[in-house]
N, C-alpha and C. Protein backbone atom coordinates (compact mmCIF):
# COMPACT_ATOMS: atom_id res chain seq x y z
N MET A 1 0.68 -1.17 0.11
CA MET A 1 0.01 0.00 -0.08
C MET A 1 0.84 1.27 0.04
N SER A 2 0.59 2.34 -0.75
CA SER A 2 1.18 3.37 -1.00
C SER A 2 1.08 4.48 0.16
N SER A 3 2.07 5.21 0.51
CA SER A 3 1.91 6.31 1.77
C SER A 3 1.77 7.31 1.37
N VAL A 4 1.67 7.72 -0.08
CA VAL A 4 1.37 8.96 -0.74
C VAL A 4 -0.22 9.10 -0.60
N SER A 5 -0.62 10.12 -0.09
CA SER A 5 -2.15 10.62 0.08
C SER A 5 -2.52 10.83 -1.34
N PRO A 6 -3.83 10.64 -1.67
CA PRO A 6 -4.53 10.75 -2.84
C PRO A 6 -4.45 12.18 -3.33
N SER A 7 -4.45 13.26 -2.40
CA SER A 7 -4.37 14.69 -2.83
C SER A 7 -2.98 14.93 -3.24
N ARG A 8 -1.92 14.25 -2.73
CA ARG A 8 -0.41 14.44 -3.20
C ARG A 8 -0.25 14.04 -4.55
N ARG A 9 -0.96 12.58 -4.79
CA ARG A 9 -0.72 12.12 -5.89
C ARG A 9 -1.40 12.69 -7.20
N ARG A 10 -2.64 13.44 -6.88
CA ARG A 10 -3.30 14.36 -7.80
C ARG A 10 -2.33 15.47 -8.08
N ALA A 11 -1.72 16.15 -7.22
CA ALA A 11 -1.10 17.33 -7.30
C ALA A 11 0.08 17.03 -7.96
N THR A 12 0.79 15.88 -7.64
CA THR A 12 2.19 15.43 -8.46
C THR A 12 1.73 15.28 -9.86
N ASN A 13 0.77 14.48 -10.02
CA ASN A 13 0.31 13.98 -11.61
C ASN A 13 -0.19 15.33 -12.22
N ALA A 14 -0.87 16.43 -11.47
CA ALA A 14 -1.27 17.66 -12.37
C ALA A 14 0.17 18.54 -12.85
N THR A 15 1.00 18.37 -11.77
CA THR A 15 2.41 19.30 -11.93
C THR A 15 3.20 18.48 -13.33
N LYS A 16 2.95 17.26 -13.30
CA LYS A 16 3.45 16.50 -14.45
C LYS A 16 3.01 16.59 -15.80
N GLU A 17 1.36 16.79 -15.60
CA GLU A 17 0.87 16.98 -17.18
C GLU A 17 1.12 18.30 -17.43
N SER A 18 1.02 19.24 -16.32
CA SER A 18 1.27 20.66 -16.86
C SER A 18 2.72 20.90 -17.47
N LEU A 19 3.81 20.29 -17.08
CA LEU A 19 4.95 20.29 -17.88
C LEU A 19 4.90 19.77 -19.07
N ARG A 20 4.28 18.67 -19.27
CA ARG A 20 4.14 17.84 -20.50
C ARG A 20 3.51 19.01 -21.65
N ALA A 21 2.24 19.95 -20.99
CA ALA A 21 1.81 20.48 -21.90
C ALA A 21 2.60 21.87 -22.00
N LEU A 22 3.35 22.22 -20.88
CA LEU A 22 4.44 23.36 -21.39
C LEU A 22 5.43 23.11 -22.41
N SER A 23 6.06 21.66 -22.25
CA SER A 23 7.07 21.11 -23.19
C SER A 23 6.26 21.49 -24.49
N THR A 24 5.04 20.96 -25.00
CA THR A 24 4.43 20.83 -26.10
C THR A 24 4.43 22.41 -26.73
N GLN A 25 3.83 23.20 -25.90
CA GLN A 25 3.78 24.61 -26.24
C GLN A 25 5.11 25.45 -26.70
N LEU A 26 5.86 25.07 -25.63
CA LEU A 26 7.52 25.68 -26.14
C LEU A 26 7.94 24.96 -27.50
N SER A 27 7.80 23.63 -27.71
CA SER A 27 7.94 23.13 -28.92
C SER A 27 7.30 23.94 -30.09
N LEU A 28 5.99 24.17 -29.95
CA LEU A 28 5.12 24.77 -30.90
C LEU A 28 5.74 26.35 -31.38
N LEU A 29 6.12 26.93 -30.28
CA LEU A 29 6.69 28.40 -30.23
C LEU A 29 7.92 28.24 -30.99
N ASN A 30 8.75 27.47 -30.75
CA ASN A 30 10.16 27.42 -31.20
C ASN A 30 10.01 27.00 -32.62
N HIS A 31 9.12 25.92 -32.90
CA HIS A 31 8.93 25.64 -34.45
C HIS A 31 8.19 26.76 -35.08
N ARG A 32 7.49 27.64 -34.71
CA ARG A 32 6.84 28.70 -35.27
C ARG A 32 7.87 30.11 -35.87
N VAL A 33 8.86 30.14 -34.44
CA VAL A 33 10.01 30.93 -34.80
C VAL A 33 10.84 30.21 -35.71
N GLY A 34 11.41 29.27 -35.84
CA GLY A 34 12.18 28.60 -36.54
C GLY A 34 11.66 28.83 -38.09
N ALA A 35 10.07 28.54 -38.33
CA ALA A 35 9.90 28.93 -39.68
C ALA A 35 9.77 30.35 -40.06
N ARG A 36 9.56 31.30 -39.07
CA ARG A 36 9.69 32.71 -39.27
C ARG A 36 11.21 33.01 -39.78
N LEU A 37 12.01 32.38 -39.21
CA LEU A 37 13.60 32.80 -39.58
C LEU A 37 14.05 32.03 -40.74
N GLU A 38 13.18 31.04 -41.25
CA GLU A 38 13.47 30.19 -42.19
C GLU A 38 14.66 29.23 -41.86
N VAL A 39 14.36 28.60 -40.70
CA VAL A 39 15.67 27.35 -40.47
C VAL A 39 14.63 26.32 -39.87
N LYS A 40 15.47 25.16 -39.88
CA LYS A 40 14.78 24.12 -39.63
C LYS A 40 14.66 23.85 -38.04
N ASP A 41 13.85 23.20 -37.50
CA ASP A 41 13.93 22.95 -35.72
C ASP A 41 15.10 22.58 -35.45
N ALA A 42 15.89 21.88 -35.97
CA ALA A 42 16.96 21.26 -35.29
C ALA A 42 18.19 22.68 -35.53
N ASP A 43 18.10 23.47 -36.45
CA ASP A 43 18.79 24.37 -36.61
C ASP A 43 18.62 25.53 -35.52
N CYS A 44 17.18 25.69 -35.51
CA CYS A 44 16.77 26.68 -34.41
C CYS A 44 17.08 26.05 -33.06
N ASP A 45 17.15 25.01 -32.82
CA ASP A 45 17.63 24.16 -31.34
C ASP A 45 19.04 24.73 -30.99
N CYS A 46 19.90 24.97 -32.20
CA CYS A 46 21.40 25.21 -31.96
C CYS A 46 21.64 26.93 -31.98
N LEU A 47 20.65 27.67 -32.15
CA LEU A 47 20.64 28.94 -31.95
C LEU A 47 20.99 29.71 -30.51
N ASP A 48 19.95 29.11 -29.83
CA ASP A 48 20.19 29.59 -28.35
C ASP A 48 21.37 29.05 -27.56
N PRO A 49 21.98 27.78 -27.74
CA PRO A 49 23.20 27.37 -26.85
C PRO A 49 24.42 28.18 -27.47
N VAL A 50 24.35 28.44 -28.91
CA VAL A 50 25.72 29.07 -29.52
C VAL A 50 25.53 30.55 -28.94
N ASP A 51 24.52 31.12 -28.89
CA ASP A 51 24.31 32.73 -28.42
C ASP A 51 24.79 32.45 -27.02
N ARG A 52 24.15 31.68 -26.19
CA ARG A 52 24.27 31.81 -24.69
C ARG A 52 25.47 31.13 -24.36
N HIS A 53 26.07 30.19 -24.92
CA HIS A 53 27.49 29.68 -24.34
C HIS A 53 28.73 29.85 -25.23
N GLY A 54 28.55 30.42 -26.34
CA GLY A 54 29.32 30.35 -27.52
C GLY A 54 30.55 31.18 -27.26
N PRO A 55 31.53 31.21 -27.87
CA PRO A 55 31.77 30.59 -28.93
C PRO A 55 32.00 29.01 -28.40
N LEU A 56 31.45 28.07 -29.30
CA LEU A 56 31.50 26.66 -28.98
C LEU A 56 31.99 25.85 -30.41
N SER A 57 32.80 24.79 -30.18
CA SER A 57 33.16 23.87 -31.03
C SER A 57 31.90 23.17 -31.64
N PRO A 58 32.00 22.57 -32.66
CA PRO A 58 30.85 22.10 -33.45
C PRO A 58 30.51 21.06 -32.34
N SER A 59 31.35 20.28 -31.93
CA SER A 59 31.11 19.05 -30.91
C SER A 59 30.46 19.42 -29.55
N ALA A 60 30.82 20.41 -29.08
CA ALA A 60 30.13 21.02 -27.87
C ALA A 60 28.57 21.53 -28.32
N LEU A 61 28.84 22.13 -29.26
CA LEU A 61 27.38 22.72 -29.68
C LEU A 61 26.47 21.30 -29.94
N ALA A 62 26.93 20.38 -30.47
CA ALA A 62 26.22 19.32 -30.93
C ALA A 62 25.64 18.63 -29.40
N ARG A 63 26.57 18.62 -28.62
CA ARG A 63 26.21 18.00 -27.11
C ARG A 63 25.25 18.74 -26.50
N ARG A 64 25.24 20.20 -26.62
CA ARG A 64 24.31 21.01 -25.65
C ARG A 64 23.12 21.28 -26.67
N ALA A 65 23.03 20.95 -27.81
CA ALA A 65 21.68 20.79 -28.44
C ALA A 65 21.13 19.39 -28.59
N GLY A 66 21.64 18.36 -28.05
CA GLY A 66 21.35 17.01 -28.16
C GLY A 66 21.14 16.46 -29.70
N LEU A 67 22.37 16.79 -30.48
CA LEU A 67 22.25 16.37 -31.79
C LEU A 67 23.57 15.33 -31.93
N HIS A 68 23.36 14.63 -32.91
CA HIS A 68 24.54 13.48 -33.15
C HIS A 68 25.56 14.58 -34.11
N PRO A 69 26.96 14.40 -33.72
CA PRO A 69 27.95 15.47 -34.33
C PRO A 69 27.77 15.16 -35.63
N ALA A 70 27.39 14.32 -36.47
CA ALA A 70 27.38 14.07 -37.83
C ALA A 70 26.42 15.18 -38.26
N THR A 71 25.39 15.45 -37.59
CA THR A 71 24.23 16.28 -38.17
C THR A 71 24.68 17.76 -38.28
N MET A 72 25.49 17.73 -37.22
CA MET A 72 26.07 19.24 -37.33
C MET A 72 26.56 20.08 -38.32
N THR A 73 27.23 19.21 -39.31
CA THR A 73 27.84 19.72 -40.49
C THR A 73 26.62 20.37 -41.24
N GLY A 74 25.60 19.78 -41.51
CA GLY A 74 24.42 20.34 -42.39
C GLY A 74 23.57 21.44 -41.71
N VAL A 75 23.47 21.22 -40.31
CA VAL A 75 23.05 22.38 -39.57
C VAL A 75 23.77 23.60 -39.50
N LEU A 76 24.96 23.32 -39.38
CA LEU A 76 25.84 24.68 -39.63
C LEU A 76 26.06 25.35 -40.79
N ASP A 77 26.10 24.38 -42.09
CA ASP A 77 26.18 24.77 -43.32
C ASP A 77 24.80 25.94 -43.51
N ARG A 78 23.71 25.60 -42.97
CA ARG A 78 22.39 26.40 -43.17
C ARG A 78 22.79 27.35 -42.16
N LEU A 79 22.92 27.19 -41.09
CA LEU A 79 23.08 28.44 -40.10
C LEU A 79 24.11 29.51 -40.34
N GLU A 80 25.17 29.18 -41.11
CA GLU A 80 26.36 30.00 -41.73
C GLU A 80 25.57 30.91 -42.56
N ARG A 81 24.61 30.84 -43.11
CA ARG A 81 23.91 31.69 -44.26
C ARG A 81 23.21 32.85 -43.71
N GLY A 82 23.60 33.13 -42.25
CA GLY A 82 23.18 34.44 -41.92
C GLY A 82 23.05 34.48 -40.27
N TRP A 83 23.24 33.29 -39.67
CA TRP A 83 23.25 33.34 -38.15
C TRP A 83 24.40 33.12 -37.27
N VAL A 84 25.26 32.33 -37.85
CA VAL A 84 26.48 31.97 -36.94
C VAL A 84 27.61 31.98 -38.07
N VAL A 85 28.62 32.42 -37.35
CA VAL A 85 30.05 32.41 -38.12
C VAL A 85 30.94 31.23 -37.58
N ARG A 86 31.49 30.62 -38.43
CA ARG A 86 32.76 29.65 -38.10
C ARG A 86 34.06 30.46 -38.10
N ASP A 87 34.60 30.45 -37.05
CA ASP A 87 36.03 31.09 -36.86
C ASP A 87 37.02 30.25 -36.65
N ARG A 88 38.35 30.47 -36.67
CA ARG A 88 39.34 29.59 -35.86
C ARG A 88 39.33 29.84 -34.55
N ASP A 89 39.99 28.62 -34.01
CA ASP A 89 39.88 28.46 -32.51
C ASP A 89 41.19 29.52 -32.04
N PRO A 90 41.04 30.23 -31.18
CA PRO A 90 42.33 31.14 -30.91
C PRO A 90 43.37 30.16 -30.20
N GLU A 91 42.91 29.06 -29.85
CA GLU A 91 43.80 28.33 -28.63
C GLU A 91 44.29 27.24 -29.46
N ASP A 92 43.71 26.69 -30.63
CA ASP A 92 44.05 25.82 -31.54
C ASP A 92 43.78 25.92 -33.03
N ARG A 93 44.79 26.55 -33.92
CA ARG A 93 44.32 26.96 -34.87
C ARG A 93 43.70 25.92 -36.00
N ARG A 94 44.04 24.78 -35.69
CA ARG A 94 43.35 23.76 -36.60
C ARG A 94 41.89 23.38 -36.37
N ALA A 95 41.17 24.24 -35.40
CA ALA A 95 40.04 23.89 -34.74
C ALA A 95 38.98 25.05 -35.31
N VAL A 96 37.81 24.95 -35.18
CA VAL A 96 37.02 25.76 -35.53
C VAL A 96 36.13 26.15 -34.20
N VAL A 97 35.51 27.23 -34.32
CA VAL A 97 34.50 27.37 -33.08
C VAL A 97 33.24 28.32 -33.79
N ILE A 98 32.18 28.12 -33.36
CA ILE A 98 30.87 28.62 -33.60
C ILE A 98 30.63 29.79 -32.87
N ARG A 99 30.38 30.81 -33.32
CA ARG A 99 29.75 32.15 -32.36
C ARG A 99 28.38 32.83 -33.48
N ALA A 100 27.85 33.17 -32.42
CA ALA A 100 26.51 33.78 -33.08
C ALA A 100 26.72 35.15 -33.82
N ARG A 101 26.03 35.40 -34.80
CA ARG A 101 26.22 36.88 -35.38
C ARG A 101 25.14 37.63 -34.39
N ARG A 102 25.52 38.36 -33.50
CA ARG A 102 24.92 39.02 -32.43
C ARG A 102 24.05 40.08 -33.13
N GLU A 103 24.43 40.44 -34.28
CA GLU A 103 23.63 41.72 -34.84
C GLU A 103 22.29 41.21 -35.54
N ARG A 104 22.05 39.78 -35.23
CA ARG A 104 20.64 39.30 -35.96
C ARG A 104 19.87 38.79 -34.74
N ASN A 105 20.55 38.98 -33.39
CA ASN A 105 19.65 38.68 -32.24
C ASN A 105 18.42 39.76 -32.06
N ALA A 106 18.27 40.75 -32.62
CA ALA A 106 17.06 41.41 -32.29
C ALA A 106 15.92 41.05 -33.10
N GLU A 107 16.25 40.30 -34.09
CA GLU A 107 15.16 39.53 -34.98
C GLU A 107 14.77 38.37 -34.22
N ILE A 108 15.71 37.73 -33.54
CA ILE A 108 15.04 36.67 -32.89
C ILE A 108 14.35 36.95 -31.71
N TYR A 109 14.88 37.97 -31.06
CA TYR A 109 14.31 38.34 -29.76
C TYR A 109 12.82 38.99 -30.06
N SER A 110 12.73 39.68 -31.15
CA SER A 110 11.43 40.40 -31.38
C SER A 110 10.16 38.99 -31.62
N LEU A 111 10.60 37.91 -32.12
CA LEU A 111 9.72 36.84 -32.35
C LEU A 111 9.31 36.27 -30.98
N PHE A 112 10.31 36.18 -30.11
CA PHE A 112 9.99 35.88 -28.63
C PHE A 112 9.26 37.01 -27.54
N ALA A 113 9.09 38.06 -28.28
CA ALA A 113 8.53 39.27 -27.22
C ALA A 113 7.33 38.90 -26.65
N GLY A 114 6.20 38.45 -27.55
CA GLY A 114 5.21 37.97 -27.17
C GLY A 114 5.17 37.09 -25.63
N MET A 115 5.92 36.10 -25.86
CA MET A 115 6.19 34.78 -24.78
C MET A 115 6.83 35.54 -23.64
N ASN A 116 7.93 36.43 -23.94
CA ASN A 116 8.67 37.23 -22.77
C ASN A 116 7.58 38.03 -21.93
N GLY A 117 6.82 39.00 -22.76
CA GLY A 117 5.83 39.69 -21.94
C GLY A 117 4.87 38.94 -21.26
N ARG A 118 4.54 37.83 -21.96
CA ARG A 118 3.38 37.02 -21.02
C ARG A 118 4.19 36.46 -19.83
N MET A 119 5.29 36.10 -20.02
CA MET A 119 5.88 35.86 -18.78
C MET A 119 6.42 36.72 -17.68
N ASP A 120 6.51 37.72 -18.07
CA ASP A 120 6.72 38.76 -17.09
C ASP A 120 5.31 39.05 -16.56
N GLU A 121 4.22 39.00 -17.05
CA GLU A 121 2.80 39.08 -16.32
C GLU A 121 2.67 38.09 -15.55
N VAL A 122 2.72 36.70 -15.86
CA VAL A 122 2.70 35.62 -15.01
C VAL A 122 3.68 36.07 -13.60
N CYS A 123 4.82 36.16 -13.94
CA CYS A 123 5.80 36.31 -12.85
C CYS A 123 5.40 37.35 -11.96
N ALA A 124 4.85 38.46 -12.52
CA ALA A 124 4.15 39.67 -11.46
C ALA A 124 3.28 39.19 -10.54
N GLY A 125 2.67 37.78 -10.77
CA GLY A 125 1.71 37.39 -9.61
C GLY A 125 2.39 36.83 -8.69
N TYR A 126 3.65 36.59 -8.58
CA TYR A 126 4.47 35.86 -7.51
C TYR A 126 5.39 36.81 -6.73
N ASP A 127 5.40 36.66 -5.47
CA ASP A 127 6.34 37.20 -4.82
C ASP A 127 7.88 36.79 -5.06
N ASP A 128 8.79 37.66 -4.32
CA ASP A 128 10.44 36.92 -4.66
C ASP A 128 10.52 35.62 -4.08
N ALA A 129 9.94 35.24 -2.92
CA ALA A 129 10.07 33.92 -2.30
C ALA A 129 9.59 32.82 -3.47
N GLU A 130 8.23 33.05 -3.88
CA GLU A 130 7.44 32.21 -4.89
C GLU A 130 8.40 32.23 -5.87
N LEU A 131 8.89 33.04 -6.41
CA LEU A 131 9.74 32.96 -7.72
C LEU A 131 10.87 32.24 -7.68
N ALA A 132 11.50 32.38 -6.39
CA ALA A 132 12.98 31.65 -6.05
C ALA A 132 12.46 30.24 -5.98
N LEU A 133 11.28 29.84 -5.22
CA LEU A 133 10.85 28.38 -5.27
C LEU A 133 10.55 27.87 -6.78
N LEU A 134 9.90 28.70 -7.62
CA LEU A 134 9.50 28.07 -9.01
C LEU A 134 10.87 28.00 -9.80
N ALA A 135 11.91 29.02 -9.75
CA ALA A 135 13.09 28.73 -10.29
C ALA A 135 13.74 27.74 -9.88
N SER A 136 13.90 27.29 -8.47
CA SER A 136 14.50 26.17 -8.10
C SER A 136 13.89 24.95 -8.59
N PHE A 137 12.68 24.96 -8.61
CA PHE A 137 11.88 23.71 -8.96
C PHE A 137 12.07 23.39 -10.56
N LEU A 138 12.08 24.50 -11.52
CA LEU A 138 12.26 24.36 -12.95
C LEU A 138 13.81 23.85 -12.99
N GLU A 139 14.89 24.35 -12.18
CA GLU A 139 16.23 23.82 -12.44
C GLU A 139 16.27 22.48 -12.23
N ARG A 140 15.77 21.96 -11.28
CA ARG A 140 15.61 20.52 -10.81
C ARG A 140 15.13 19.79 -11.66
N VAL A 141 13.75 20.12 -12.26
CA VAL A 141 13.34 19.44 -13.21
C VAL A 141 14.13 19.51 -14.51
N THR A 142 14.64 20.47 -14.89
CA THR A 142 15.62 20.46 -16.09
C THR A 142 16.85 19.45 -15.84
N GLU A 143 17.28 19.31 -14.79
CA GLU A 143 18.47 18.40 -14.38
C GLU A 143 17.69 16.82 -14.54
N ALA A 144 16.40 16.76 -13.96
CA ALA A 144 16.17 15.54 -14.05
C ALA A 144 16.03 15.24 -15.76
N GLY A 145 15.68 16.20 -16.30
CA GLY A 145 15.21 15.83 -17.82
C GLY A 145 16.84 15.67 -18.62
N ARG A 146 17.81 16.11 -18.10
CA ARG A 146 19.17 16.15 -18.90
C ARG A 146 19.52 14.71 -18.36
N THR A 147 19.25 14.17 -16.97
CA THR A 147 19.73 13.13 -16.62
C THR A 147 19.00 11.72 -17.51
N ALA A 148 17.76 12.06 -17.53
CA ALA A 148 16.93 10.94 -18.22
C ALA A 148 17.25 10.75 -19.60
N ALA A 149 17.32 11.93 -20.33
CA ALA A 149 17.99 12.10 -21.57
C ALA A 149 19.60 11.27 -21.73
N ASP A 150 20.22 11.61 -20.83
CA ASP A 150 21.63 11.00 -20.99
C ASP A 150 21.49 9.31 -20.55
N GLU A 151 20.74 9.01 -19.85
CA GLU A 151 20.49 7.68 -19.66
C GLU A 151 19.91 6.90 -21.01
N LEU A 152 19.28 7.40 -21.79
CA LEU A 152 18.80 7.01 -23.09
C LEU A 152 19.78 7.03 -24.07
N SER A 153 20.99 7.76 -24.07
CA SER A 153 21.68 7.99 -25.24
C SER A 153 22.84 6.83 -24.89
């Protein structure tokens, strides 16, 4: 017999269901942003990591984006048409690093402006302690997802 109360089980299941729904909506948003940018979904998945964590080697970008390294050649060929630049690695002239073309960020940010504004509205309904709790929860869920994905690879 389980020691978890029915109300706790319902709350946990509702949380999991909400996270699944959020995942679907964020995937849809990213898909539509990618369509506006005229890039494939996998290409779009690479823009954020290279912008936030770059410059990155192609293999490091593949790891962060969850793509097979062999897939990166095609992705980078397409993204190099306006979104990223391949530079020589200053520490190893034989290697390359990928960096974002920051002058294009405004275009990307404008497509996410609606979501960012709505997120600001949602966050305004919580006090600082509640926001800290939510941020901690989402960080832990993100890490759980990363671990689960790693176990499947």
